[in-house]
Amino acid sequence: MMLSGDPDSGSILVVDDEEDIRQLLGQLLTMEGYEVMVAESGSNALTCLRANPQAVRLILLDLMMPGMNGWQFRTEQLKDPALAAIPAVVMTGAGLKAEDMKALGSCEVLFKPVNVDTLFERIKRYVPG
């Protein structure tokens, strides 16, 4: 699903199984001028990315989702040369150990509840506003 925004500022893919979170993040990001795509699962996110890998400049990823979770998504993303370079910011309520971080590959982690200012600070590292 695509939400409106300024396509020149870069697309952000929000991957979360909770509709309220997808809608809230989509609205916040769109108000900041970003083009936003949303996916409710890791498998839907992969389908979206593979359809047009150049469209996404950053992935905001929940780890705990039914079906293909965030861990499985990252494994598949990193195996695909067309997708591996797209940065991810993981948003989770779970505690992570060093080995968990290594399994996620090179990405940033924000712990829920996520502070909006911190979220935008991280986003702007990858997609200038």
Protein backbone atom coordinates (compact mmCIF):
# COMPACT_ATOMS: atom_id res chain seq x y z
CA MET A 1 0.00 0.00 0.00
CA MET A 2 1.25 3.45 -0.93
CA LEU A 3 0.64 6.64 1.05
CA SER A 4 1.17 10.11 -0.34
CA GLY A 5 4.13 12.36 0.23
CA ASP A 6 6.93 13.99 -1.71
CA PRO A 7 8.62 11.28 -3.80
CA ASP A 8 11.77 13.42 -4.07
CA SER A 9 12.41 13.02 -0.35
CA GLY A 10 12.67 9.22 -0.56
CA SER A 11 10.43 6.28 0.11
CA ILE A 12 10.21 4.57 3.46
CA LEU A 13 8.73 1.09 3.85
CA VAL A 14 6.98 0.55 7.19
CA VAL A 15 6.69 -3.17 8.03
CA ASP A 16 4.51 -3.92 11.05
CA ASP A 17 1.65 -6.33 11.68
CA GLU A 18 -0.27 -3.81 13.81
CA GLU A 19 -2.53 -1.68 11.63
CA ASP A 20 -2.61 1.19 14.14
CA ILE A 21 1.19 1.44 14.09
CA ARG A 22 1.33 1.30 10.28
CA GLN A 23 -1.29 4.05 10.02
CA LEU A 24 0.31 6.26 12.67
CA LEU A 25 3.80 5.97 11.22
CA GLY A 26 2.43 6.44 7.72
CA GLN A 27 0.65 9.64 8.73
CA LEU A 28 3.64 11.03 10.65
CA LEU A 29 6.05 10.31 7.81
CA THR A 30 3.70 11.68 5.16
CA MET A 31 3.25 14.90 7.18
CA GLU A 32 7.05 15.22 7.16
CA GLY A 33 7.02 14.96 3.35
CA TYR A 34 8.13 11.36 2.88
CA GLU A 35 6.62 8.92 0.42
CA VAL A 36 5.52 5.92 2.47
CA MET A 37 4.74 2.32 1.66
CA VAL A 38 3.37 -0.07 4.26
CA ALA A 39 3.39 -3.86 4.61
CA GLU A 40 1.75 -5.98 7.29
CA SER A 41 4.25 -8.85 7.15
CA GLY A 42 7.76 -9.73 6.12
CA SER A 43 6.54 -11.66 3.08
CA ASN A 44 4.45 -8.71 1.87
CA ALA A 45 7.43 -6.41 2.38
CA LEU A 46 9.65 -8.69 0.28
CA THR A 47 7.06 -8.75 -2.49
CA CYS A 48 6.91 -4.94 -2.43
CA LEU A 49 10.70 -4.58 -2.47
CA ARG A 50 11.26 -7.11 -5.22
CA ALA A 51 8.68 -5.39 -7.43
CA ASN A 52 10.72 -2.17 -7.35
CA PRO A 53 13.89 -2.32 -5.24
CA GLN A 54 14.99 1.20 -6.18
CA ALA A 55 11.80 2.73 -4.74
CA VAL A 56 12.71 2.19 -1.07
CA ARG A 57 15.48 4.08 0.67
CA LEU A 58 14.79 2.88 4.23
CA ILE A 59 12.88 0.09 5.97
CA LEU A 60 11.24 0.57 9.39
CA LEU A 61 10.87 -3.00 10.60
CA ASP A 62 9.00 -4.63 13.46
CA LEU A 63 10.56 -7.94 14.59
CA MET A 64 7.59 -9.71 16.14
CA MET A 65 5.03 -10.49 13.43
CA PRO A 66 3.05 -13.62 12.55
CA GLY A 67 4.03 -15.49 9.41
CA MET A 68 7.37 -14.15 8.19
CA ASN A 69 8.69 -12.14 11.13
CA GLY A 70 11.31 -9.40 11.06
CA TRP A 71 14.18 -11.83 11.67
CA GLN A 72 13.17 -13.98 8.70
CA PHE A 73 12.60 -10.89 6.57
CA ARG A 74 16.12 -9.58 7.31
CA THR A 75 17.62 -12.98 6.46
CA GLU A 76 15.86 -12.97 3.09
CA GLN A 77 16.60 -9.30 2.44
CA LEU A 78 20.31 -9.71 3.11
CA LYS A 79 20.51 -12.78 0.84
CA ASP A 80 19.10 -10.82 -2.12
CA PRO A 81 21.80 -8.65 -3.77
CA ALA A 82 19.16 -6.23 -5.10
CA LEU A 83 17.81 -5.62 -1.59
CA ALA A 84 20.75 -6.14 0.77
CA ALA A 85 21.97 -2.55 0.66
CA ILE A 86 18.64 -1.02 1.74
CA PRO A 87 19.14 0.11 5.35
CA ALA A 88 16.77 -0.96 8.09
CA VAL A 89 15.78 0.53 11.41
CA VAL A 90 14.35 -2.19 13.63
CA MET A 91 11.60 -1.23 16.07
CA THR A 92 11.01 -3.76 18.81
CA GLY A 93 9.75 -4.20 22.33
CA ALA A 94 11.93 -7.28 22.82
CA GLY A 95 15.31 -7.23 24.47
CA LEU A 96 18.16 -8.04 22.12
CA LYS A 97 21.49 -9.70 22.86
CA ALA A 98 24.72 -9.16 20.95
CA GLU A 99 24.17 -12.34 18.93
CA ASP A 100 20.65 -11.14 18.06
CA MET A 101 22.10 -7.92 16.70
CA LYS A 102 24.62 -9.82 14.62
CA ALA A 103 21.85 -11.97 13.13
CA LEU A 104 19.98 -8.82 12.05
CA GLY A 105 22.96 -7.56 10.09
CA SER A 106 23.99 -3.95 10.04
CA CYS A 107 20.96 -2.02 11.21
CA GLU A 108 19.86 0.35 13.91
CA VAL A 109 17.48 -0.64 16.70
CA LEU A 110 14.87 1.49 18.45
CA PHE A 111 13.05 0.05 21.43
CA LYS A 112 9.29 0.51 21.75
CA PRO A 113 7.72 2.76 22.71
CA VAL A 114 9.70 4.73 20.15
CA ASN A 115 10.31 8.42 20.78
CA VAL A 116 9.15 10.33 17.68
CA ASP A 117 12.10 12.77 17.74
CA THR A 118 14.55 9.88 17.96
CA LEU A 119 12.76 8.10 15.11
CA PHE A 120 13.01 11.14 12.82
CA GLU A 121 16.66 11.64 13.78
CA ARG A 122 17.41 8.07 12.65
CA ILE A 123 15.33 8.40 9.49
CA LYS A 124 17.16 11.58 8.46
CA ARG A 125 20.47 9.71 8.62
CA TYR A 126 19.29 7.71 5.61
CA VAL A 127 16.60 9.82 3.96
CA PRO A 128 17.10 13.57 4.29
CA GLY A 129 13.84 15.43 4.87
